[in-house]
C-alpha atoms as a PDB file:
ATOM      1  CA  UNK A   1     -36.426 -17.574  -2.951  1.00  0.00           C
ATOM      2  CA  UNK A   2     -33.132 -19.327  -2.132  1.00  0.00           C
ATOM      3  CA  UNK A   3     -30.763 -17.471   0.114  1.00  0.00           C
ATOM      4  CA  UNK A   4     -27.113 -17.885  -0.650  1.00  0.00           C
ATOM      5  CA  UNK A   5     -24.358 -16.874   1.801  1.00  0.00           C
ATOM      6  CA  UNK A   6     -20.911 -16.049   0.583  1.00  0.00           C
ATOM      7  CA  UNK A   7     -18.141 -16.010   3.173  1.00  0.00           C
ATOM      8  CA  UNK A   8     -14.544 -14.886   3.036  1.00  0.00           C
ATOM      9  CA  UNK A   9     -11.680 -13.525   5.090  1.00  0.00           C
ATOM     10  CA  UNK A  10      -9.144 -10.720   4.860  1.00  0.00           C
ATOM     11  CA  UNK A  11      -5.857 -10.469   6.776  1.00  0.00           C
ATOM     12  CA  UNK A  12      -5.025 -14.084   7.453  1.00  0.00           C
ATOM     13  CA  UNK A  13      -1.315 -13.653   6.747  1.00  0.00           C
ATOM     14  CA  UNK A  14      -0.267 -10.257   8.225  1.00  0.00           C
ATOM     15  CA  UNK A  15       2.050  -9.986  11.174  1.00  0.00           C
ATOM     16  CA  UNK A  16       0.304  -6.811  12.314  1.00  0.00           C
ATOM     17  CA  UNK A  17      -3.440  -6.178  12.641  1.00  0.00           C
ATOM     18  CA  UNK A  18      -6.638  -8.168  12.863  1.00  0.00           C
ATOM     19  CA  UNK A  19      -8.158 -10.739  10.618  1.00  0.00           C
ATOM     20  CA  UNK A  20     -11.621 -10.022   9.375  1.00  0.00           C
ATOM     21  CA  UNK A  21     -14.198 -12.574   8.318  1.00  0.00           C
ATOM     22  CA  UNK A  22     -17.381 -11.509   6.554  1.00  0.00           C
ATOM     23  CA  UNK A  23     -20.520 -13.196   5.394  1.00  0.00           C
ATOM     24  CA  UNK A  24     -23.228 -11.812   3.090  1.00  0.00           C
ATOM     25  CA  UNK A  25     -26.653 -13.278   2.265  1.00  0.00           C
ATOM     26  CA  UNK A  26     -28.272 -12.631  -1.068  1.00  0.00           C
ATOM     27  CA  UNK A  27     -31.351 -13.951  -2.909  1.00  0.00           C
ATOM     28  CA  UNK A  28     -29.914 -16.149  -5.629  1.00  0.00           C
ATOM     29  CA  UNK A  29     -31.983 -14.310  -8.231  1.00  0.00           C
ATOM     30  CA  UNK A  30     -29.895 -11.231  -7.550  1.00  0.00           C
ATOM     31  CA  UNK A  31     -26.466 -12.838  -7.880  1.00  0.00           C
ATOM     32  CA  UNK A  32     -26.137 -11.818 -11.535  1.00  0.00           C
ATOM     33  CA  UNK A  33     -26.543  -8.197 -10.389  1.00  0.00           C
ATOM     34  CA  UNK A  34     -23.363  -8.545  -8.362  1.00  0.00           C
ATOM     35  CA  UNK A  35     -21.480  -9.250 -11.601  1.00  0.00           C
ATOM     36  CA  UNK A  36     -23.253  -6.379 -13.289  1.00  0.00           C
ATOM     37  CA  UNK A  37     -21.895  -3.852 -10.758  1.00  0.00           C
ATOM     38  CA  UNK A  38     -18.399  -5.197 -11.089  1.00  0.00           C
ATOM     39  CA  UNK A  39     -18.036  -7.431  -8.039  1.00  0.00           C
ATOM     40  CA  UNK A  40     -14.969  -9.631  -8.123  1.00  0.00           C
ATOM     41  CA  UNK A  41     -12.257 -10.923  -5.773  1.00  0.00           C
ATOM     42  CA  UNK A  42     -11.280  -7.904  -3.605  1.00  0.00           C
ATOM     43  CA  UNK A  43      -7.577  -8.520  -4.314  1.00  0.00           C
ATOM     44  CA  UNK A  44      -8.280  -7.636  -7.980  1.00  0.00           C
ATOM     45  CA  UNK A  45      -9.789  -4.277  -7.004  1.00  0.00           C
ATOM     46  CA  UNK A  46      -8.254  -1.041  -5.843  1.00  0.00           C
ATOM     47  CA  UNK A  47      -9.132   0.316  -2.376  1.00  0.00           C
ATOM     48  CA  UNK A  48     -11.142   3.081  -4.050  1.00  0.00           C
ATOM     49  CA  UNK A  49     -13.128   0.616  -6.163  1.00  0.00           C
ATOM     50  CA  UNK A  50     -13.851  -1.561  -3.156  1.00  0.00           C
ATOM     51  CA  UNK A  51     -15.226   1.453  -1.292  1.00  0.00           C
ATOM     52  CA  UNK A  52     -17.343   2.367  -4.281  1.00  0.00           C
ATOM     53  CA  UNK A  53     -18.821  -1.143  -4.499  1.00  0.00           C
ATOM     54  CA  UNK A  54     -19.640  -1.463  -0.804  1.00  0.00           C
ATOM     55  CA  UNK A  55     -22.826   0.637  -0.975  1.00  0.00           C
ATOM     56  CA  UNK A  56     -24.264  -1.182  -4.024  1.00  0.00           C
ATOM     57  CA  UNK A  57     -23.481  -4.498  -2.458  1.00  0.00           C
ATOM     58  CA  UNK A  58     -25.319  -3.638   0.700  1.00  0.00           C
ATOM     59  CA  UNK A  59     -28.373  -2.618  -1.467  1.00  0.00           C
ATOM     60  CA  UNK A  60     -28.443  -5.984  -3.123  1.00  0.00           C
ATOM     61  CA  UNK A  61     -27.928  -8.311  -0.144  1.00  0.00           C
ATOM     62  CA  UNK A  62     -30.420  -9.360   2.526  1.00  0.00           C
ATOM     63  CA  UNK A  63     -28.024  -9.184   5.453  1.00  0.00           C
ATOM     64  CA  UNK A  64     -24.478  -9.490   6.413  1.00  0.00           C
ATOM     65  CA  UNK A  65     -22.126 -10.128   9.363  1.00  0.00           C
ATOM     66  CA  UNK A  66     -18.563  -8.994  10.039  1.00  0.00           C
ATOM     67  CA  UNK A  67     -16.327 -10.571  12.636  1.00  0.00           C
ATOM     68  CA  UNK A  68     -12.986  -8.920  13.679  1.00  0.00           C
ATOM     69  CA  UNK A  69     -10.430 -11.292  15.162  1.00  0.00           C
ATOM     70  CA  UNK A  70      -7.723  -9.407  17.117  1.00  0.00           C
ATOM     71  CA  UNK A  71      -4.055 -10.444  17.095  1.00  0.00           C
ATOM     72  CA  UNK A  72      -4.194 -11.825  20.645  1.00  0.00           C
ATOM     73  CA  UNK A  73      -6.957 -14.293  19.685  1.00  0.00           C
ATOM     74  CA  UNK A  74      -4.846 -15.370  16.646  1.00  0.00           C
ATOM     75  CA  UNK A  75      -1.784 -15.815  18.829  1.00  0.00           C
ATOM     76  CA  UNK A  76      -3.737 -17.894  21.312  1.00  0.00           C
ATOM     77  CA  UNK A  77      -5.131 -20.275  18.815  1.00  0.00           C
ATOM     78  CA  UNK A  78      -1.767 -20.712  17.057  1.00  0.00           C
ATOM     79  CA  UNK A  79      -0.205 -21.792  20.335  1.00  0.00           C
ATOM     80  CA  UNK A  80      -3.004 -24.159  21.271  1.00  0.00           C
ATOM     81  CA  UNK A  81      -4.317 -25.410  17.947  1.00  0.00           C
ATOM     82  CA  UNK A  82      -4.372 -24.242  14.360  1.00  0.00           C
ATOM     83  CA  UNK A  83      -5.571 -21.006  12.813  1.00  0.00           C
ATOM     84  CA  UNK A  84      -7.720 -23.071  10.376  1.00  0.00           C
ATOM     85  CA  UNK A  85      -9.755 -24.177  13.416  1.00  0.00           C
ATOM     86  CA  UNK A  86     -10.257 -20.583  14.499  1.00  0.00           C
ATOM     87  CA  UNK A  87     -11.588 -19.750  11.049  1.00  0.00           C
ATOM     88  CA  UNK A  88     -13.915 -22.766  11.088  1.00  0.00           C
ATOM     89  CA  UNK A  89     -15.332 -21.520  14.430  1.00  0.00           C
ATOM     90  CA  UNK A  90     -15.962 -18.040  13.079  1.00  0.00           C
ATOM     91  CA  UNK A  91     -17.332 -19.227   9.757  1.00  0.00           C
ATOM     92  CA  UNK A  92     -19.794 -21.550  11.387  1.00  0.00           C
ATOM     93  CA  UNK A  93     -20.840 -18.828  13.824  1.00  0.00           C
ATOM     94  CA  UNK A  94     -21.601 -16.506  10.952  1.00  0.00           C
ATOM     95  CA  UNK A  95     -23.533 -19.128   9.065  1.00  0.00           C
ATOM     96  CA  UNK A  96     -25.640 -19.915  12.110  1.00  0.00           C
ATOM     97  CA  UNK A  97     -26.446 -16.241  12.538  1.00  0.00           C
ATOM     98  CA  UNK A  98     -27.216 -15.559   8.898  1.00  0.00           C
ATOM     99  CA  UNK A  99     -29.345 -18.714   8.342  1.00  0.00           C
ATOM    100  CA  UNK A 100     -28.852 -19.160   4.531  1.00  0.00           C
ATOM    101  CA  UNK A 101     -29.995 -22.105   2.477  1.00  0.00           C
ATOM    102  CA  UNK A 102     -26.578 -22.372   0.843  1.00  0.00           C
ATOM    103  CA  UNK A 103     -23.139 -21.354   2.202  1.00  0.00           C
ATOM    104  CA  UNK A 104     -20.294 -20.854  -0.259  1.00  0.00           C
ATOM    105  CA  UNK A 105     -16.831 -20.579   1.324  1.00  0.00           C
ATOM    106  CA  UNK A 106     -13.273 -20.499   0.180  1.00  0.00           C
ATOM    107  CA  UNK A 107     -11.452 -23.371   1.851  1.00  0.00           C
ATOM    108  CA  UNK A 108      -8.602 -22.220   4.055  1.00  0.00           C
ATOM    109  CA  UNK A 109      -7.568 -25.843   4.398  1.00  0.00           C
ATOM    110  CA  UNK A 110      -5.530 -27.596   1.689  1.00  0.00           C
ATOM    111  CA  UNK A 111      -8.112 -30.375   2.027  1.00  0.00           C
ATOM    112  CA  UNK A 112     -11.428 -28.853   0.995  1.00  0.00           C
ATOM    113  CA  UNK A 113     -13.427 -31.935   2.040  1.00  0.00           C
ATOM    114  CA  UNK A 114     -11.922 -31.815   5.577  1.00  0.00           C
ATOM    115  CA  UNK A 115     -12.746 -28.163   5.813  1.00  0.00           C
ATOM    116  CA  UNK A 116     -16.259 -28.708   4.682  1.00  0.00           C
ATOM    117  CA  UNK A 117     -16.796 -31.480   7.234  1.00  0.00           C
ATOM    118  CA  UNK A 118     -15.561 -29.205  10.014  1.00  0.00           C
ATOM    119  CA  UNK A 119     -17.905 -26.473   8.901  1.00  0.00           C
ATOM    120  CA  UNK A 120     -20.851 -28.778   8.713  1.00  0.00           C
ATOM    121  CA  UNK A 121     -20.186 -30.166  12.182  1.00  0.00           C
ATOM    122  CA  UNK A 122     -20.595 -26.702  13.665  1.00  0.00           C
ATOM    123  CA  UNK A 123     -23.770 -25.705  11.833  1.00  0.00           C
ATOM    124  CA  UNK A 124     -27.008 -26.061  13.897  1.00  0.00           C
ATOM    125  CA  UNK A 125     -29.403 -25.879  10.952  1.00  0.00           C
ATOM    126  CA  UNK A 126     -29.863 -27.382   7.513  1.00  0.00           C
ATOM    127  CA  UNK A 127     -27.485 -25.623   5.136  1.00  0.00           C
ATOM    128  CA  UNK A 128     -25.886 -26.816   1.918  1.00  0.00           C
ATOM    129  CA  UNK A 129     -22.180 -26.099   2.266  1.00  0.00           C
ATOM    130  CA  UNK A 130     -19.932 -25.546  -0.720  1.00  0.00           C
ATOM    131  CA  UNK A 131     -16.197 -25.248  -0.059  1.00  0.00           C
ATOM    132  CA  UNK A 132     -13.581 -24.827  -2.743  1.00  0.00           C
ATOM    133  CA  UNK A 133     -10.290 -23.106  -3.182  1.00  0.00           C
ATOM    134  CA  UNK A 134     -10.460 -19.687  -4.839  1.00  0.00           C
ATOM    135  CA  UNK A 135     -14.182 -19.507  -4.251  1.00  0.00           C
ATOM    136  CA  UNK A 136     -14.060 -15.720  -4.696  1.00  0.00           C
ATOM    137  CA  UNK A 137     -13.349 -16.359  -8.383  1.00  0.00           C
ATOM    138  CA  UNK A 138     -16.116 -18.950  -8.761  1.00  0.00           C
ATOM    139  CA  UNK A 139     -18.977 -17.488  -6.693  1.00  0.00           C
ATOM    140  CA  UNK A 140     -19.996 -13.759  -6.816  1.00  0.00           C
ATOM    141  CA  UNK A 141     -21.422 -14.018  -3.297  1.00  0.00           C
ATOM    142  CA  UNK A 142     -18.022 -14.943  -1.970  1.00  0.00           C
ATOM    143  CA  UNK A 143     -16.403 -12.164  -3.970  1.00  0.00           C
ATOM    144  CA  UNK A 144     -18.914  -9.715  -2.392  1.00  0.00           C
ATOM    145  CA  UNK A 145     -17.993 -11.053   1.089  1.00  0.00           C
ATOM    146  CA  UNK A 146     -14.335 -10.621   0.193  1.00  0.00           C
ATOM    147  CA  UNK A 147     -14.961  -6.911  -0.538  1.00  0.00           C
ATOM    148  CA  UNK A 148     -16.887  -6.438   2.677  1.00  0.00           C
ATOM    149  CA  UNK A 149     -14.123  -8.115   4.655  1.00  0.00           C
ATOM    150  CA  UNK A 150     -11.276  -6.326   2.997  1.00  0.00           C
ATOM    151  CA  UNK A 151     -12.973  -2.930   3.284  1.00  0.00           C
ATOM    152  CA  UNK A 152     -13.595  -3.543   6.962  1.00  0.00           C
ATOM    153  CA  UNK A 153      -9.998  -4.493   7.531  1.00  0.00           C
ATOM    154  CA  UNK A 154      -8.794  -1.438   5.599  1.00  0.00           C
ATOM    155  CA  UNK A 155     -10.819   0.676   8.028  1.00  0.00           C
ATOM    156  CA  UNK A 156      -9.390  -1.151  11.009  1.00  0.00           C
ATOM    157  CA  UNK A 157      -5.826  -0.629   9.735  1.00  0.00           C
ATOM    158  CA  UNK A 158      -6.417   3.100   9.172  1.00  0.00           C
ATOM    159  CA  UNK A 159      -7.637   3.436  12.767  1.00  0.00           C
ATOM    160  CA  UNK A 160      -4.578   1.534  14.052  1.00  0.00           C
ATOM    161  CA  UNK A 161      -2.280   3.836  12.043  1.00  0.00           C
ATOM    162  CA  UNK A 162      -3.752   6.800  13.917  1.00  0.00           C
ATOM    163  CA  UNK A 163      -3.087   5.190  17.255  1.00  0.00           C
ATOM    164  CA  UNK A 164       0.236   3.308  16.677  1.00  0.00           C
ATOM    165  CA  UNK A 165       1.783   5.078  13.663  1.00  0.00           C
ATOM    166  CA  UNK A 166       2.028   4.013  10.015  1.00  0.00           C
ATOM    167  CA  UNK A 167       3.233   0.420   9.977  1.00  0.00           C
ATOM    168  CA  UNK A 168       2.308  -0.168   6.380  1.00  0.00           C
ATOM    169  CA  UNK A 169      -0.035  -2.961   5.293  1.00  0.00           C
ATOM    170  CA  UNK A 170       0.947  -5.260   8.190  1.00  0.00           C
ATOM    171  CA  UNK A 171       2.154  -7.979   5.874  1.00  0.00           C
ATOM    172  CA  UNK A 172       5.611  -9.535   6.453  1.00  0.00           C
ATOM    173  CA  UNK A 173       6.679  -8.749   2.848  1.00  0.00           C
ATOM    174  CA  UNK A 174       6.015  -5.013   3.348  1.00  0.00           C
ATOM    175  CA  UNK A 175       9.291  -3.134   3.988  1.00  0.00           C
ATOM    176  CA  UNK A 176       7.450  -0.496   6.005  1.00  0.00           C
ATOM    177  CA  UNK A 177       5.945  -3.203   8.256  1.00  0.00           C
ATOM    178  CA  UNK A 178       9.360  -4.799   8.818  1.00  0.00           C
ATOM    179  CA  UNK A 179      10.975  -1.453   9.478  1.00  0.00           C
ATOM    180  CA  UNK A 180       8.288  -0.692  12.069  1.00  0.00           C
ATOM    181  CA  UNK A 181       8.942  -3.953  13.977  1.00  0.00           C
ATOM    182  CA  UNK A 182      12.728  -3.574  13.682  1.00  0.00           C
ATOM    183  CA  UNK A 183      12.584  -0.052  15.015  1.00  0.00           C
ATOM    184  CA  UNK A 184      10.568  -1.208  18.100  1.00  0.00           C
ATOM    185  CA  UNK A 185      12.994  -4.056  18.826  1.00  0.00           C
ATOM    186  CA  UNK A 186      16.151  -1.977  18.360  1.00  0.00           C
ATOM    187  CA  UNK A 187      14.756   0.688  20.696  1.00  0.00           C
ATOM    188  CA  UNK A 188      14.002  -2.013  23.270  1.00  0.00           C
ATOM    189  CA  UNK A 189      10.291  -1.162  23.215  1.00  0.00           C
ATOM    190  CA  UNK A 190       7.616  -3.776  23.787  1.00  0.00           C
ATOM    191  CA  UNK A 191       5.780  -4.660  20.633  1.00  0.00           C
ATOM    192  CA  UNK A 192       2.275  -3.283  20.724  1.00  0.00           C
ATOM    193  CA  UNK A 193      -0.827  -5.515  21.020  1.00  0.00           C
ATOM    194  CA  UNK A 194      -1.533  -5.075  17.287  1.00  0.00           C
ATOM    195  CA  UNK A 195       1.408  -7.345  16.563  1.00  0.00           C
ATOM    196  CA  UNK A 196       0.924 -11.068  16.160  1.00  0.00           C
ATOM    197  CA  UNK A 197       3.715 -12.230  18.511  1.00  0.00           C
ATOM    198  CA  UNK A 198       3.462 -15.829  17.457  1.00  0.00           C
ATOM    199  CA  UNK A 199       4.368 -15.081  13.794  1.00  0.00           C
ATOM    200  CA  UNK A 200       7.810 -16.289  12.817  1.00  0.00           C
ATOM    201  CA  UNK A 201       8.574 -12.911  11.316  1.00  0.00           C
ATOM    202  CA  UNK A 202       9.031 -11.583  14.827  1.00  0.00           C
ATOM    203  CA  UNK A 203      11.632 -14.206  15.737  1.00  0.00           C
ATOM    204  CA  UNK A 204      13.398 -13.932  12.423  1.00  0.00           C
ATOM    205  CA  UNK A 205      13.723 -10.154  12.614  1.00  0.00           C
ATOM    206  CA  UNK A 206      14.888 -10.313  16.299  1.00  0.00           C
ATOM    207  CA  UNK A 207      17.553 -12.854  15.317  1.00  0.00           C
ATOM    208  CA  UNK A 208      18.695 -10.777  12.375  1.00  0.00           C
ATOM    209  CA  UNK A 209      19.092  -7.730  14.678  1.00  0.00           C
ATOM    210  CA  UNK A 210      21.002  -9.892  17.202  1.00  0.00           C
ATOM    211  CA  UNK A 211      23.286 -11.335  14.520  1.00  0.00           C
ATOM    212  CA  UNK A 212      23.707  -8.129  12.582  1.00  0.00           C
ATOM    213  CA  UNK A 213      22.344  -9.684   9.459  1.00  0.00           C
ATOM    214  CA  UNK A 214      19.350  -7.482   8.642  1.00  0.00           C
ATOM    215  CA  UNK A 215      20.589  -6.771   5.158  1.00  0.00           C
ATOM    216  CA  UNK A 216      20.167 -10.449   4.267  1.00  0.00           C
ATOM    217  CA  UNK A 217      16.615 -10.683   5.552  1.00  0.00           C
END
């Protein structure tokens, strides 16, 4: 038996909400079954389909790990370092906890070799690391991890809606998300802790409000 870990993240780019990183470990003999049940990159699946696949995925895998990174942690790392380094830290922590023979990861760095070296430097055991762009399309285990991560983030966002109101998807391109932030700024309210204050979207919207140029944003 050779244990393969697939790792992926959800929510790297939003201005509101957490980032979620997930890892799953599966016996390599069961990987074809992931394809049989319809596992693919979570972005190519509807929320309903992701939910439907979650149970079957859990039945096929040996173990998994989900890490939720709150906005304040993301803001802190952006000020001091680079969000890629935060992801390296979380990815390596998950690999060390899951103890696979092979770890397949989608590189968040434009330089896959550099990303792989950083991952390997943080692993405290013998693990073969494979890091490529769009790994969720090449490796079913990574696609499974992407579904786990995305489903977990969807659940987190739903909980935040209940507490803070419907701010949409949290992505800067979402009109509902932008309207939520604009409303808070115009009312003079402090942006809640679910907002990533270091994102340039916040500064851009604030400047547009100040200059009266929201229509051009």
